[in-house]
Structures are given as structure tokens and as C-alpha cells.
Amino acid sequence: RQSNASSVASHLARRPTVGRSLPHHIMSSQLPTPPPPDADDPPCAPNSDAPPSPPQLQVSLPDDILEEILLRLSTAADLARASTSCTSFRHVVAPRSFARRYRSLHKAPVLGFLRADFYAAQSPHPSAPVANALAQAADFAFSFLPNPACWSPRDVRDGRVLFSAVSVSEGRGDFIDATSNTFVDLVVCDPLSRRCIQIPPVPEDLADSVQHCGMLDFEPFFAPASDDVRADESSFKVICKVLCENKVAVFIFSSHTGKWVSIQHHGLGALSNEVVDALYARCGLHRRHYAHGCFCWVLEWMDKLLMLDTREMKFTIIDLPPNSHGGRLAIVEAGEGMIGLLNIGMRTLDFYCKASHHYCLRQA
């Protein structure tokens, strides 16, 4: 009996049990083959408990989407870091069209202002670190000018400074000190690179149109940067306004073409001797204002505002509003592309705005 029990136990130990792997010949011969699915049977519903398949990874973003992302970087430093980190990013930011769009969305930060010296932005202004670095790197004494004592500053824009020639006896002066009633030599300087460009004189055939008309004031200044100038940072334009006894003229120099063109406006009429004397003494001409692409001058003796639209290079004379005498006038940018006039009196503060479709100033 004992030997029979051992034989049965040994036989049971050799039998396959649940959970054990069956030999291949047993699986293929003993397991039933499932019948083929019937064509009328509905498809099997997916198992809702099964984990979702992982999303397919996007290898790279299209260039137009990359451009929109890079355009939204808040600072130029962030844009520079991003473009150096990836070849695809550099490919997107390289075209000039990207630079134009970026500058239209992100205005250049204010680093300081220049008068007799450069006054850098101070902390906590966000531009303070860059402004201090600029103050240390640039030459705001303009020692690189040829004979520095013979030049006086006239305007500054986009990192460039415009100088006009003066006599040594007059000295360097300030932006508001330099005056002239004749054509003078001009030079454009970059204090950071310490380079300067001599502007060629106005051709005689253009200058003759005003030289015999009683020149009262010669005022050079930079034109605001247009889209084509923004695309090429080395390009600039210089405007020279010439006020005569019976007309006003503008001469425009383009660094791109290296040539001068002229625009004249015959709308001032003959000025009285008192006005001419005041202009020669610099008592009757107010400073230049700028708003929405337009330069403006207050013609106090005529109760007019002389406006030069730099987009069309056209002059317009606008009537000043009543009760604007005796105050301090300032031309400002109003909303919706309008130009405003702020009149600060002794005890009053009046504000007028000019709509873009006509030239009548109205009180707001």
C-alpha cells in the first residue's frame, strides 16, 4: 500500500497544474481553436479601462508659429539668448521682416537723455543696468569729432546725434543755443561706435531757391524712422527747415541715396518788419514739437501752427484756438491718432485736439 501511494504521488507531481506552462505539442493539440468572427457580429468595443495611448510627439513647430512665439519675448536680451540656443530659432529671427515686426511690438527702452551731458536712467528704472553700461562705453564728450569745439548739437534720435558747424568763438553750446540763418555744415555722430558721417552740403541749385528770399532761420533735425529705415539700422534722414520772409522750405537728406530733395510752401505771406526783427533775434519762433509723425512750430505772430507731415512731406498751416495767447503751448499726442495742443495759462489749463480728417483745432 505504501509503495502504491508513493507511485500515485509521483504521478500527480508530474501532471500539469493550473498556472504552469504547457508543452508546445500539448497546447497545439489539446487547446481548442476559436471560431472565425462572423461578418454579422458587431465590432468589439474598446476597453474603457485600458490606458490611453500616448500622444505623438511633434518633431518641430512650423516657422510661422515659432515666429509668433519669438515675437512675444519681452526683451531683446531674451530674444538674443533664444536665437543662440537653436539653429531653427536663428533661421526665424534672421530676416529683416522679423526685426520690423519685433520693433513695432516692442518700443526701444529709454536709456536716458542728452543735453550738455548724458543723463542715464537710474534704478529702479528697468533700463538702468543697460543705461549705465552705455554711459561707460560711449563717448558723450564727442572727442572724436574733427575740431570738437567747432560743432554744436542740434538733435538726437535713435542713438545718433546731429551737429552743426559753429565758430570757435561761439563754443559747443547746447541744443537750444545753436542757431543759424544760413546753410551750415552738418555731421551725424554715433557716440557708442565713435564714428561720424559728414553730410554733403545742399546743392546750389536747391539752395538758390531760398538764399535770395531773406533766410530767417535754418533748423536741422532728424526725421522719424520709417519702416524702410528701421529695417536698415545704418540708414537715417536729416530734415533742414528754412524759414524765409515769405515762405518756408524743407530740404531732406537720405543716407540711403546720399542726395538732397527740397519741398517749398508759399503760404506765409510777407512778414512785417517787426516779425522779421524778432525772428532774427530768435524771439518770435517757438521750439519744434513732434507728435504722430508730424513736426509743428507755433507761429505766434500769425496765430498759426505750422505743421510738417513727414509721412507725406507736406506743410499745413492751422489756425490756433482762441485765447491761446499768453500761455505756454505744447503739442502732444492725443488718442486715436489725433494731435493735441496743451495751453498752460496763469490759472487755466486748456486742451485742444485736432482730428485727422480736418485741420480745425477744437477744445476737448
Protein backbone atom coordinates (compact mmCIF):
# COMPACT_ATOMS: atom_id res chain seq x y z
CA ARG A 1 0.00 0.00 0.00
CA GLN A 2 2.77 2.38 0.90
CA SER A 3 4.50 1.77 -2.44
CA ASN A 4 1.23 2.34 -4.32
CA ALA A 5 0.70 5.69 -2.50
CA SER A 6 4.21 6.84 -3.42
CA SER A 7 3.63 5.89 -7.05
CA VAL A 8 0.36 7.89 -7.16
CA ALA A 9 2.04 10.93 -5.55
CA SER A 10 4.89 10.75 -8.02
CA HIS A 11 2.43 10.56 -10.90
CA LEU A 12 0.43 13.56 -9.61
CA ALA A 13 3.61 15.59 -9.26
CA ARG A 14 4.33 15.06 -12.94
CA ARG A 15 0.82 16.24 -14.05
CA PRO A 16 0.43 19.86 -15.16
CA THR A 17 -1.39 22.15 -12.73
CA VAL A 18 -3.18 25.49 -13.14
CA GLY A 19 -0.70 28.28 -13.71
CA ARG A 20 2.01 26.12 -15.19
CA SER A 21 3.14 26.38 -18.82
CA LEU A 22 2.11 23.54 -21.05
CA PRO A 23 4.46 21.95 -23.56
CA HIS A 24 4.04 23.28 -27.08
CA HIS A 25 2.80 19.97 -28.53
CA ILE A 26 0.15 19.73 -25.79
CA MET A 27 -1.00 23.39 -26.33
CA SER A 28 -1.26 22.98 -30.08
CA SER A 29 -3.06 19.64 -29.92
CA GLN A 30 -5.34 20.00 -26.92
CA LEU A 31 -6.38 23.75 -26.83
CA PRO A 32 -9.47 24.49 -28.96
CA THR A 33 -9.09 26.94 -31.87
CA PRO A 34 -11.54 29.90 -31.61
CA PRO A 35 -14.01 30.11 -34.49
CA PRO A 36 -13.54 32.93 -37.03
CA PRO A 37 -15.67 36.03 -36.37
CA ASP A 38 -18.95 36.18 -38.18
CA ALA A 39 -19.38 39.03 -40.64
CA ASP A 40 -22.66 39.98 -38.94
CA ASP A 41 -21.08 40.25 -35.50
CA PRO A 42 -20.67 43.87 -34.25
CA PRO A 43 -17.09 45.04 -33.71
CA CYS A 44 -15.72 44.74 -30.24
CA ALA A 45 -15.99 47.89 -28.19
CA PRO A 46 -12.68 49.25 -26.94
CA ASN A 47 -11.86 48.61 -23.36
CA SER A 48 -12.59 51.82 -21.46
CA ASP A 49 -10.33 50.70 -18.64
CA ALA A 50 -7.30 50.45 -20.89
CA PRO A 51 -4.82 53.37 -20.53
CA PRO A 52 -4.94 55.93 -23.39
CA SER A 53 -2.23 55.71 -25.98
CA PRO A 54 0.48 58.35 -25.53
CA PRO A 55 0.19 61.42 -27.83
CA GLN A 56 2.51 61.55 -30.77
CA LEU A 57 5.36 63.98 -30.20
CA GLN A 58 5.67 66.95 -32.57
CA VAL A 59 9.15 66.86 -34.01
CA SER A 60 9.29 70.64 -34.72
CA LEU A 61 6.95 73.63 -34.88
CA PRO A 62 6.26 75.40 -38.17
CA ASP A 63 8.25 78.58 -38.74
CA ASP A 64 5.18 80.82 -38.63
CA ILE A 65 4.26 79.55 -35.15
CA LEU A 66 7.86 79.88 -33.98
CA GLU A 67 7.88 83.46 -35.24
CA GLU A 68 4.75 84.35 -33.28
CA ILE A 69 6.27 82.85 -30.13
CA LEU A 70 9.59 84.65 -30.51
CA LEU A 71 7.84 87.94 -31.25
CA ARG A 72 6.30 87.80 -27.79
CA LEU A 73 9.60 87.66 -25.92
CA SER A 74 9.57 90.80 -23.80
CA THR A 75 13.19 91.93 -24.12
CA ALA A 76 15.85 91.90 -26.81
CA ALA A 77 18.16 90.08 -24.40
CA ASP A 78 15.69 87.18 -24.15
CA LEU A 79 15.40 87.11 -27.93
CA ALA A 80 19.19 87.01 -28.30
CA ARG A 81 19.50 84.15 -25.83
CA ALA A 82 16.76 82.19 -27.58
CA SER A 83 18.27 82.70 -31.04
CA THR A 84 21.70 81.49 -29.90
CA SER A 85 20.26 78.34 -28.37
CA CYS A 86 18.79 76.82 -31.52
CA THR A 87 19.56 76.93 -35.24
CA SER A 88 15.85 76.92 -36.10
CA PHE A 89 15.32 79.99 -33.92
CA ARG A 90 18.18 81.83 -35.63
CA HIS A 91 16.65 80.99 -39.00
CA VAL A 92 13.34 82.56 -37.93
CA VAL A 93 14.74 85.80 -36.46
CA ALA A 94 17.30 86.44 -39.23
CA PRO A 95 15.05 88.15 -41.85
CA ARG A 96 14.58 91.92 -41.69
CA SER A 97 10.83 91.43 -41.70
CA PHE A 98 11.10 89.83 -38.25
CA ALA A 99 13.12 92.79 -36.95
CA ARG A 100 10.48 95.21 -38.26
CA ARG A 101 7.66 93.30 -36.57
CA TYR A 102 9.57 92.96 -33.31
CA ARG A 103 10.34 96.68 -33.14
CA SER A 104 6.76 97.57 -33.92
CA LEU A 105 5.60 95.48 -30.96
CA HIS A 106 8.42 96.38 -28.55
CA LYS A 107 9.44 100.02 -28.43
CA ALA A 108 13.08 100.74 -27.71
CA PRO A 109 13.61 101.31 -23.98
CA VAL A 110 14.54 104.76 -22.71
CA LEU A 111 18.18 104.74 -21.58
CA GLY A 112 18.49 108.42 -20.70
CA PHE A 113 18.57 111.87 -22.26
CA LEU A 114 21.29 114.02 -23.71
CA ARG A 115 21.70 117.71 -23.20
CA ALA A 116 25.02 119.19 -22.08
CA ASP A 117 25.84 115.68 -20.88
CA PHE A 118 24.28 112.23 -20.93
CA TYR A 119 21.94 111.52 -18.02
CA ALA A 120 21.49 107.77 -17.72
CA ALA A 121 18.35 106.13 -16.34
CA GLN A 122 18.75 105.31 -12.68
CA SER A 123 17.50 102.42 -10.56
CA PRO A 124 14.74 101.28 -10.08
CA HIS A 125 14.15 102.02 -13.78
CA PRO A 126 14.35 98.68 -15.66
CA SER A 127 16.80 100.17 -18.18
CA ALA A 128 19.27 101.30 -15.50
CA PRO A 129 21.84 98.48 -16.00
CA VAL A 130 21.96 98.95 -19.77
CA ALA A 131 21.98 102.75 -19.41
CA ASN A 132 24.94 102.66 -17.03
CA ALA A 133 26.82 100.34 -19.37
CA LEU A 134 26.13 102.74 -22.25
CA ALA A 135 27.36 105.71 -20.22
CA GLN A 136 30.65 103.93 -19.56
CA ALA A 137 31.16 102.64 -23.09
CA ALA A 138 30.14 105.69 -25.17
CA ASP A 139 32.00 108.96 -25.69
CA PHE A 140 29.45 111.65 -24.90
CA ALA A 141 32.17 114.29 -24.89
CA PHE A 142 32.40 113.66 -28.66
CA SER A 143 36.16 113.95 -28.62
CA PHE A 144 36.29 112.00 -31.89
CA LEU A 145 34.76 114.93 -33.81
CA PRO A 146 37.12 116.85 -36.08
CA ASN A 147 37.91 120.01 -34.09
CA PRO A 148 35.22 119.34 -31.43
CA ALA A 149 34.91 122.99 -30.34
CA CYS A 150 33.53 123.94 -33.76
CA TRP A 151 30.37 121.83 -33.57
CA SER A 152 27.13 122.36 -31.66
CA PRO A 153 24.44 119.68 -31.06
CA ARG A 154 21.12 120.16 -32.82
CA ASP A 155 19.16 116.91 -32.42
CA VAL A 156 19.37 113.34 -31.17
CA ARG A 157 17.36 110.29 -32.27
CA ASP A 158 17.86 106.51 -32.39
CA GLY A 159 21.31 106.69 -30.82
CA ARG A 160 22.64 109.32 -33.24
CA VAL A 161 23.49 112.95 -32.58
CA LEU A 162 23.29 115.68 -35.22
CA PHE A 163 25.80 118.55 -35.03
CA SER A 164 26.04 121.79 -36.97
CA ALA A 165 29.19 123.81 -37.53
CA VAL A 166 29.72 126.92 -35.38
CA SER A 167 32.60 129.31 -34.97
CA VAL A 168 35.19 128.63 -32.30
CA SER A 169 34.17 131.84 -30.52
CA GLU A 170 30.62 130.54 -30.07
CA GLY A 171 31.78 127.26 -28.50
CA ARG A 172 29.98 123.94 -28.19
CA GLY A 173 26.77 125.35 -26.76
CA ASP A 174 23.59 123.40 -26.10
CA PHE A 175 20.76 122.04 -28.22
CA ILE A 176 18.73 125.23 -27.80
CA ASP A 177 21.71 127.58 -28.19
CA ALA A 178 22.76 126.72 -31.74
CA THR A 179 21.06 128.96 -34.30
CA SER A 180 21.79 129.94 -37.86
CA ASN A 181 20.22 131.95 -40.66
CA THR A 182 22.50 130.47 -43.33
CA PHE A 183 23.35 126.99 -44.54
CA VAL A 184 25.98 125.35 -42.34
CA ASP A 185 27.92 122.10 -42.38
CA LEU A 186 26.33 119.10 -40.67
CA VAL A 187 27.73 115.91 -39.20
CA VAL A 188 26.00 112.82 -37.74
CA CYS A 189 27.74 111.04 -34.86
CA ASP A 190 27.38 107.73 -33.06
CA PRO A 191 28.83 108.15 -29.55
CA LEU A 192 28.94 104.39 -28.96
CA SER A 193 30.93 103.43 -32.06
CA ARG A 194 32.76 106.80 -32.08
CA ARG A 195 32.10 107.25 -35.76
CA CYS A 196 30.81 110.31 -37.59
CA ILE A 197 29.47 110.97 -41.09
CA GLN A 198 29.88 114.32 -42.79
CA ILE A 199 26.66 115.36 -44.54
CA PRO A 200 27.29 116.81 -48.01
CA PRO A 201 26.17 120.43 -48.46
CA VAL A 202 22.84 121.28 -50.06
CA PRO A 203 23.37 121.59 -53.83
CA GLU A 204 23.50 125.15 -55.12
CA ASP A 205 20.55 124.69 -57.47
CA LEU A 206 18.37 123.79 -54.47
CA ALA A 207 19.86 126.35 -52.08
CA ASP A 208 19.35 129.23 -54.54
CA SER A 209 15.59 128.90 -54.12
CA VAL A 210 15.81 130.34 -50.59
CA GLN A 211 19.14 132.13 -50.32
CA HIS A 212 17.74 135.24 -52.02
CA CYS A 213 14.41 135.20 -50.16
CA GLY A 214 15.59 136.52 -46.81
CA MET A 215 16.55 133.44 -44.79
CA LEU A 216 15.49 133.91 -41.17
CA ASP A 217 16.13 130.51 -39.64
CA PHE A 218 17.95 127.30 -40.59
CA GLU A 219 16.96 124.35 -38.40
CA PRO A 220 18.34 120.82 -38.98
CA PHE A 221 16.90 117.75 -37.25
CA PHE A 222 16.43 114.02 -37.73
CA ALA A 223 13.41 112.59 -39.49
CA PRO A 224 11.49 109.90 -37.60
CA ALA A 225 12.43 106.40 -38.68
CA SER A 226 10.15 104.91 -41.32
CA ASP A 227 9.68 101.17 -41.93
CA ASP A 228 12.47 101.00 -44.51
CA VAL A 229 14.84 102.93 -42.23
CA ARG A 230 14.00 100.70 -39.26
CA ALA A 231 14.89 97.66 -41.32
CA ASP A 232 18.36 99.09 -42.01
CA GLU A 233 19.80 100.47 -38.79
CA SER A 234 22.60 102.21 -40.68
CA SER A 235 20.15 104.43 -42.62
CA PHE A 236 18.84 107.81 -41.48
CA LYS A 237 17.31 111.01 -42.84
CA VAL A 238 18.06 114.63 -41.96
CA ILE A 239 15.49 117.39 -42.44
CA CYS A 240 16.51 121.05 -42.70
CA LYS A 241 13.71 123.58 -42.27
CA VAL A 242 14.42 127.02 -43.74
CA LEU A 243 12.11 129.88 -42.77
CA CYS A 244 12.16 132.88 -45.09
CA GLU A 245 10.33 136.20 -45.10
CA ASN A 246 7.58 134.94 -47.40
CA LYS A 247 7.81 131.14 -47.45
CA VAL A 248 9.12 128.07 -45.70
CA ALA A 249 11.18 125.32 -47.32
CA VAL A 250 12.38 121.89 -46.29
CA PHE A 251 15.45 120.04 -47.54
CA ILE A 252 15.67 116.29 -46.88
CA PHE A 253 18.88 114.27 -47.00
CA SER A 254 18.78 110.46 -47.17
CA SER A 255 21.83 108.44 -46.21
CA HIS A 256 20.49 105.64 -48.40
CA THR A 257 20.65 107.69 -51.61
CA GLY A 258 23.21 110.28 -50.48
CA LYS A 259 21.12 113.03 -52.11
CA TRP A 260 19.06 116.07 -51.11
CA VAL A 261 15.50 116.87 -52.18
CA SER A 262 13.52 120.04 -51.45
CA ILE A 263 9.91 120.92 -50.63
CA GLN A 264 8.64 124.51 -50.53
CA HIS A 265 5.48 126.07 -49.19
CA HIS A 266 4.39 129.59 -50.22
CA GLY A 267 1.77 130.31 -47.58
CA LEU A 268 3.28 132.64 -45.02
CA GLY A 269 2.77 135.90 -46.87
CA ALA A 270 5.02 138.91 -46.46
CA LEU A 271 6.11 139.24 -42.84
CA SER A 272 6.20 142.60 -41.14
CA ASN A 273 9.46 144.26 -40.19
CA GLU A 274 8.71 143.64 -36.51
CA VAL A 275 8.29 139.92 -37.13
CA VAL A 276 11.47 139.76 -39.20
CA ASP A 277 13.43 141.56 -36.49
CA ALA A 278 12.01 139.21 -33.85
CA LEU A 279 12.96 136.16 -35.89
CA TYR A 280 16.48 137.43 -36.42
CA ALA A 281 16.69 137.92 -32.66
CA ARG A 282 15.18 134.43 -32.08
CA CYS A 283 12.29 135.91 -30.11
CA GLY A 284 9.35 135.00 -32.31
CA LEU A 285 9.91 131.35 -33.20
CA HIS A 286 8.95 128.67 -30.71
CA ARG A 287 10.72 125.36 -30.37
CA ARG A 288 9.93 122.35 -32.53
CA HIS A 289 7.28 119.85 -31.40
CA TYR A 290 6.69 116.30 -32.59
CA ALA A 291 3.54 114.17 -32.46
CA HIS A 292 2.24 111.26 -34.57
CA GLY A 293 4.77 111.70 -37.40
CA CYS A 294 4.29 115.48 -37.59
CA PHE A 295 6.65 118.32 -36.67
CA CYS A 296 4.96 121.51 -35.50
CA TRP A 297 6.04 125.10 -34.93
CA VAL A 298 3.93 127.80 -33.30
CA LEU A 299 3.88 130.96 -35.45
CA GLU A 300 2.89 133.29 -32.65
CA TRP A 301 2.78 136.47 -34.74
CA MET A 302 0.24 134.88 -37.10
CA ASP A 303 -1.82 132.90 -34.56
CA LYS A 304 -0.99 129.85 -36.66
CA LEU A 305 0.54 126.44 -36.25
CA LEU A 306 2.94 125.31 -38.98
CA MET A 307 2.82 121.52 -39.33
CA LEU A 308 5.03 119.25 -41.45
CA ASP A 309 3.64 115.77 -42.04
CA THR A 310 6.73 113.60 -42.57
CA ARG A 311 4.70 110.72 -44.00
CA GLU A 312 3.65 112.81 -47.00
CA MET A 313 6.26 115.57 -46.63
CA LYS A 314 3.59 118.26 -46.85
CA PHE A 315 3.16 121.54 -44.99
CA THR A 316 -0.10 122.69 -43.45
CA ILE A 317 -0.91 125.92 -41.63
CA ILE A 318 -3.52 125.55 -38.89
CA ASP A 319 -5.38 128.26 -37.02
CA LEU A 320 -4.58 128.37 -33.34
CA PRO A 321 -7.58 128.18 -31.00
CA PRO A 322 -8.80 131.41 -29.42
CA ASN A 323 -7.46 132.51 -26.05
CA SER A 324 -4.15 130.75 -26.66
CA HIS A 325 -2.05 133.86 -26.11
CA GLY A 326 -0.01 134.41 -23.01
CA GLY A 327 0.28 130.74 -22.14
CA ARG A 328 2.84 128.02 -22.58
CA LEU A 329 1.92 125.84 -25.55
CA ALA A 330 2.85 122.20 -26.01
CA ILE A 331 1.94 119.86 -28.87
CA VAL A 332 1.14 116.36 -27.59
CA GLU A 333 -0.15 113.05 -28.94
CA ALA A 334 -3.85 112.58 -28.29
CA GLY A 335 -5.78 109.35 -28.66
CA GLU A 336 -6.82 107.73 -31.94
CA GLY A 337 -4.01 109.34 -33.93
CA MET A 338 -5.07 112.90 -33.11
CA ILE A 339 -2.74 115.78 -32.28
CA GLY A 340 -3.42 117.76 -29.13
CA LEU A 341 -2.47 121.26 -28.05
CA LEU A 342 -1.97 121.95 -24.36
CA ASN A 343 -2.22 125.59 -23.30
CA ILE A 344 -0.94 126.28 -19.79
CA GLY A 345 -2.04 129.73 -18.62
CA MET A 346 -1.62 131.53 -15.33
CA ARG A 347 -4.73 129.96 -13.82
CA THR A 348 -6.11 127.87 -16.64
CA LEU A 349 -5.28 124.63 -18.38
CA ASP A 350 -6.88 124.17 -21.80
CA PHE A 351 -6.58 121.15 -24.04
CA TYR A 352 -7.49 121.07 -27.72
CA CYS A 353 -7.29 118.21 -30.19
CA LYS A 354 -7.13 118.05 -33.98
CA ALA A 355 -8.94 115.29 -35.84
CA SER A 356 -7.05 113.50 -38.60
CA HIS A 357 -9.60 114.31 -41.30
CA HIS A 358 -9.55 118.10 -40.99
CA TYR A 359 -7.34 120.83 -39.64
CA CYS A 360 -9.53 122.67 -37.15
CA LEU A 361 -8.47 122.56 -33.53
CA ARG A 362 -11.33 122.09 -31.12
CA GLN A 363 -11.44 122.29 -27.37
CA ALA A 364 -11.77 118.92 -25.63
